[in-house]
Amino acid sequence: MKVKTSITLSRDLLETIDERTRHKNRSDFIETALWEYIARIVREEQNKRDINIINKRSKYLNKEAEDVLSYQVKL
């Protein structure tokens, strides 16, 4: 369900939206842009969690990688 709201944007931004958008209207463009921005924030949060997990397990993961590499045949 959509809810009508009011926001204040610079004239330059509105002109750029009007020039660049392929959306039906500004509201569709702004909604799409905000959803994409939120998705990026969520991805960044997930990446930070993943890096923390990797860093906590780095000794084990490096040991596993060294073990796997020891099975490689030299060419």
N, C-alpha and C. Protein backbone atom coordinates (compact mmCIF):
# COMPACT_ATOMS: atom_id res chain seq x y z
N MET A 1 0.84 -1.17 0.00
CA MET A 1 0.00 0.00 0.00
C MET A 1 0.89 1.23 0.00
N LYS A 2 0.60 2.15 -0.86
CA LYS A 2 1.37 3.38 -0.94
C LYS A 2 0.73 4.45 -0.08
N VAL A 3 1.58 5.28 0.49
CA VAL A 3 1.14 6.37 1.35
C VAL A 3 1.69 7.65 0.77
N LYS A 4 0.85 8.64 0.64
CA LYS A 4 1.29 9.92 0.10
C LYS A 4 2.11 10.63 1.16
N THR A 5 3.25 11.18 0.73
CA THR A 5 4.12 11.91 1.64
C THR A 5 4.71 13.11 0.90
N SER A 6 5.33 13.97 1.62
CA SER A 6 5.93 15.15 1.03
C SER A 6 7.39 15.22 1.43
N ILE A 7 8.27 15.47 0.45
CA ILE A 7 9.69 15.65 0.75
C ILE A 7 10.17 16.90 0.02
N THR A 8 11.26 17.45 0.49
CA THR A 8 11.83 18.63 -0.13
C THR A 8 13.14 18.23 -0.79
N LEU A 9 13.26 18.51 -2.10
CA LEU A 9 14.46 18.20 -2.86
C LEU A 9 14.91 19.45 -3.61
N SER A 10 16.19 19.49 -3.89
CA SER A 10 16.71 20.64 -4.63
C SER A 10 16.18 20.64 -6.06
N ARG A 11 16.09 21.81 -6.62
CA ARG A 11 15.62 21.96 -8.01
C ARG A 11 16.56 21.21 -8.95
N ASP A 12 17.88 21.30 -8.69
CA ASP A 12 18.85 20.61 -9.55
C ASP A 12 18.61 19.11 -9.57
N LEU A 13 18.34 18.55 -8.39
CA LEU A 13 18.08 17.10 -8.32
C LEU A 13 16.83 16.74 -9.10
N LEU A 14 15.78 17.51 -8.93
CA LEU A 14 14.53 17.23 -9.66
C LEU A 14 14.73 17.33 -11.17
N GLU A 15 15.48 18.32 -11.61
CA GLU A 15 15.75 18.46 -13.04
C GLU A 15 16.54 17.27 -13.56
N THR A 16 17.50 16.82 -12.77
CA THR A 16 18.30 15.66 -13.18
C THR A 16 17.44 14.40 -13.24
N ILE A 17 16.57 14.23 -12.26
CA ILE A 17 15.65 13.09 -12.27
C ILE A 17 14.79 13.14 -13.53
N ASP A 18 14.25 14.31 -13.83
CA ASP A 18 13.38 14.44 -15.00
C ASP A 18 14.14 14.16 -16.30
N GLU A 19 15.41 14.56 -16.38
CA GLU A 19 16.21 14.34 -17.59
C GLU A 19 16.63 12.89 -17.75
N ARG A 20 16.96 12.23 -16.65
CA ARG A 20 17.59 10.91 -16.71
C ARG A 20 16.65 9.73 -16.55
N THR A 21 15.51 9.93 -16.00
CA THR A 21 14.67 8.79 -15.62
C THR A 21 13.90 8.21 -16.79
N ARG A 22 13.69 6.92 -16.69
CA ARG A 22 12.83 6.21 -17.64
C ARG A 22 11.56 5.76 -16.95
N HIS A 23 11.38 6.19 -15.72
CA HIS A 23 10.21 5.83 -14.94
C HIS A 23 9.01 6.67 -15.35
N LYS A 24 7.86 6.19 -14.97
CA LYS A 24 6.62 6.90 -15.30
C LYS A 24 6.58 8.27 -14.65
N ASN A 25 7.07 8.34 -13.43
CA ASN A 25 7.03 9.61 -12.72
C ASN A 25 8.12 9.66 -11.67
N ARG A 26 8.27 10.81 -11.04
CA ARG A 26 9.32 11.00 -10.03
C ARG A 26 9.14 10.04 -8.86
N SER A 27 7.92 9.84 -8.43
CA SER A 27 7.68 8.97 -7.27
C SER A 27 8.21 7.56 -7.53
N ASP A 28 7.94 7.02 -8.72
CA ASP A 28 8.46 5.69 -9.04
C ASP A 28 9.98 5.67 -9.03
N PHE A 29 10.57 6.71 -9.60
CA PHE A 29 12.02 6.79 -9.63
C PHE A 29 12.59 6.84 -8.22
N ILE A 30 12.05 7.71 -7.39
CA ILE A 30 12.56 7.88 -6.03
C ILE A 30 12.35 6.61 -5.22
N GLU A 31 11.21 5.96 -5.37
CA GLU A 31 10.97 4.71 -4.64
C GLU A 31 11.98 3.64 -5.06
N THR A 32 12.21 3.51 -6.35
CA THR A 32 13.19 2.54 -6.85
C THR A 32 14.58 2.85 -6.32
N ALA A 33 14.96 4.12 -6.36
CA ALA A 33 16.28 4.53 -5.88
C ALA A 33 16.44 4.22 -4.39
N LEU A 34 15.41 4.47 -3.61
CA LEU A 34 15.49 4.21 -2.18
C LEU A 34 15.57 2.72 -1.88
N TRP A 35 14.80 1.91 -2.61
CA TRP A 35 14.88 0.45 -2.40
C TRP A 35 16.27 -0.07 -2.75
N GLU A 36 16.86 0.46 -3.83
CA GLU A 36 18.20 0.03 -4.21
C GLU A 36 19.22 0.46 -3.16
N TYR A 37 19.06 1.65 -2.62
CA TYR A 37 19.96 2.13 -1.57
C TYR A 37 19.84 1.27 -0.31
N ILE A 38 18.63 0.94 0.07
CA ILE A 38 18.41 0.08 1.24
C ILE A 38 19.03 -1.30 0.99
N ALA A 39 18.87 -1.84 -0.21
CA ALA A 39 19.47 -3.14 -0.54
C ALA A 39 20.99 -3.07 -0.42
N ARG A 40 21.58 -1.95 -0.83
CA ARG A 40 23.03 -1.79 -0.71
C ARG A 40 23.45 -1.76 0.76
N ILE A 41 22.69 -1.07 1.59
CA ILE A 41 22.98 -1.03 3.02
C ILE A 41 22.93 -2.44 3.61
N VAL A 42 21.91 -3.21 3.26
CA VAL A 42 21.76 -4.58 3.76
C VAL A 42 22.95 -5.43 3.30
N ARG A 43 23.35 -5.29 2.02
CA ARG A 43 24.51 -6.05 1.51
C ARG A 43 25.78 -5.69 2.27
N GLU A 44 25.97 -4.40 2.53
CA GLU A 44 27.16 -3.97 3.27
C GLU A 44 27.16 -4.55 4.68
N GLU A 45 26.01 -4.59 5.33
CA GLU A 45 25.91 -5.19 6.66
C GLU A 45 26.23 -6.68 6.60
N GLN A 46 25.71 -7.38 5.58
CA GLN A 46 25.99 -8.80 5.43
C GLN A 46 27.49 -9.03 5.18
N ASN A 47 28.07 -8.19 4.34
CA ASN A 47 29.50 -8.32 4.05
C ASN A 47 30.34 -8.12 5.31
N LYS A 48 29.97 -7.14 6.15
CA LYS A 48 30.70 -6.92 7.39
C LYS A 48 30.59 -8.13 8.31
N ARG A 49 29.38 -8.71 8.40
CA ARG A 49 29.22 -9.92 9.23
C ARG A 49 30.07 -11.06 8.68
N ASP A 50 30.05 -11.23 7.35
CA ASP A 50 30.83 -12.31 6.74
C ASP A 50 32.32 -12.12 6.99
N ILE A 51 32.81 -10.89 6.86
CA ILE A 51 34.23 -10.62 7.09
C ILE A 51 34.59 -10.90 8.54
N ASN A 52 33.72 -10.54 9.46
CA ASN A 52 33.97 -10.83 10.87
C ASN A 52 34.07 -12.33 11.11
N ILE A 53 33.18 -13.09 10.48
CA ILE A 53 33.22 -14.55 10.62
C ILE A 53 34.51 -15.10 10.04
N ILE A 54 34.87 -14.63 8.84
CA ILE A 54 36.10 -15.10 8.19
C ILE A 54 37.31 -14.75 9.04
N ASN A 55 37.35 -13.53 9.56
CA ASN A 55 38.48 -13.12 10.40
C ASN A 55 38.58 -13.96 11.66
N LYS A 56 37.45 -14.28 12.27
CA LYS A 56 37.47 -15.10 13.48
C LYS A 56 37.96 -16.52 13.18
N ARG A 57 37.70 -17.00 11.96
CA ARG A 57 38.07 -18.37 11.58
C ARG A 57 39.31 -18.41 10.70
N SER A 58 40.05 -17.30 10.60
CA SER A 58 41.14 -17.20 9.64
C SER A 58 42.23 -18.25 9.85
N LYS A 59 42.60 -18.52 11.09
CA LYS A 59 43.66 -19.52 11.33
C LYS A 59 43.23 -20.88 10.80
N TYR A 60 42.01 -21.27 11.11
CA TYR A 60 41.50 -22.56 10.64
C TYR A 60 41.42 -22.58 9.11
N LEU A 61 40.88 -21.50 8.53
CA LEU A 61 40.73 -21.46 7.07
C LEU A 61 42.08 -21.47 6.37
N ASN A 62 43.06 -20.76 6.90
CA ASN A 62 44.40 -20.78 6.31
C ASN A 62 45.03 -22.16 6.40
N LYS A 63 44.82 -22.84 7.53
CA LYS A 63 45.33 -24.20 7.69
C LYS A 63 44.69 -25.14 6.67
N GLU A 64 43.39 -25.01 6.48
CA GLU A 64 42.68 -25.83 5.48
C GLU A 64 43.21 -25.54 4.08
N ALA A 65 43.43 -24.28 3.77
CA ALA A 65 43.94 -23.91 2.44
C ALA A 65 45.33 -24.50 2.21
N GLU A 66 46.19 -24.41 3.22
CA GLU A 66 47.52 -25.00 3.09
C GLU A 66 47.44 -26.50 2.89
N ASP A 67 46.53 -27.16 3.57
CA ASP A 67 46.36 -28.61 3.41
C ASP A 67 45.93 -28.93 1.98
N VAL A 68 44.97 -28.20 1.48
CA VAL A 68 44.49 -28.44 0.11
C VAL A 68 45.62 -28.20 -0.89
N LEU A 69 46.37 -27.14 -0.69
CA LEU A 69 47.46 -26.82 -1.62
C LEU A 69 48.55 -27.89 -1.59
N SER A 70 48.70 -28.56 -0.47
CA SER A 70 49.74 -29.60 -0.39
C SER A 70 49.43 -30.80 -1.28
N TYR A 71 48.19 -30.94 -1.71
CA TYR A 71 47.81 -32.05 -2.59
C TYR A 71 48.03 -31.73 -4.06
N GLN A 72 48.35 -30.50 -4.37
CA GLN A 72 48.55 -30.14 -5.78
C GLN A 72 49.82 -30.75 -6.32
N VAL A 73 49.74 -31.16 -7.58
CA VAL A 73 50.88 -31.73 -8.26
C VAL A 73 51.59 -30.61 -9.00
N LYS A 74 52.91 -30.55 -8.88
CA LYS A 74 53.65 -29.52 -9.60
C LYS A 74 53.71 -29.87 -11.07
N LEU A 75 53.53 -28.86 -11.90
CA LEU A 75 53.55 -29.07 -13.34
C LEU A 75 54.93 -28.83 -13.89
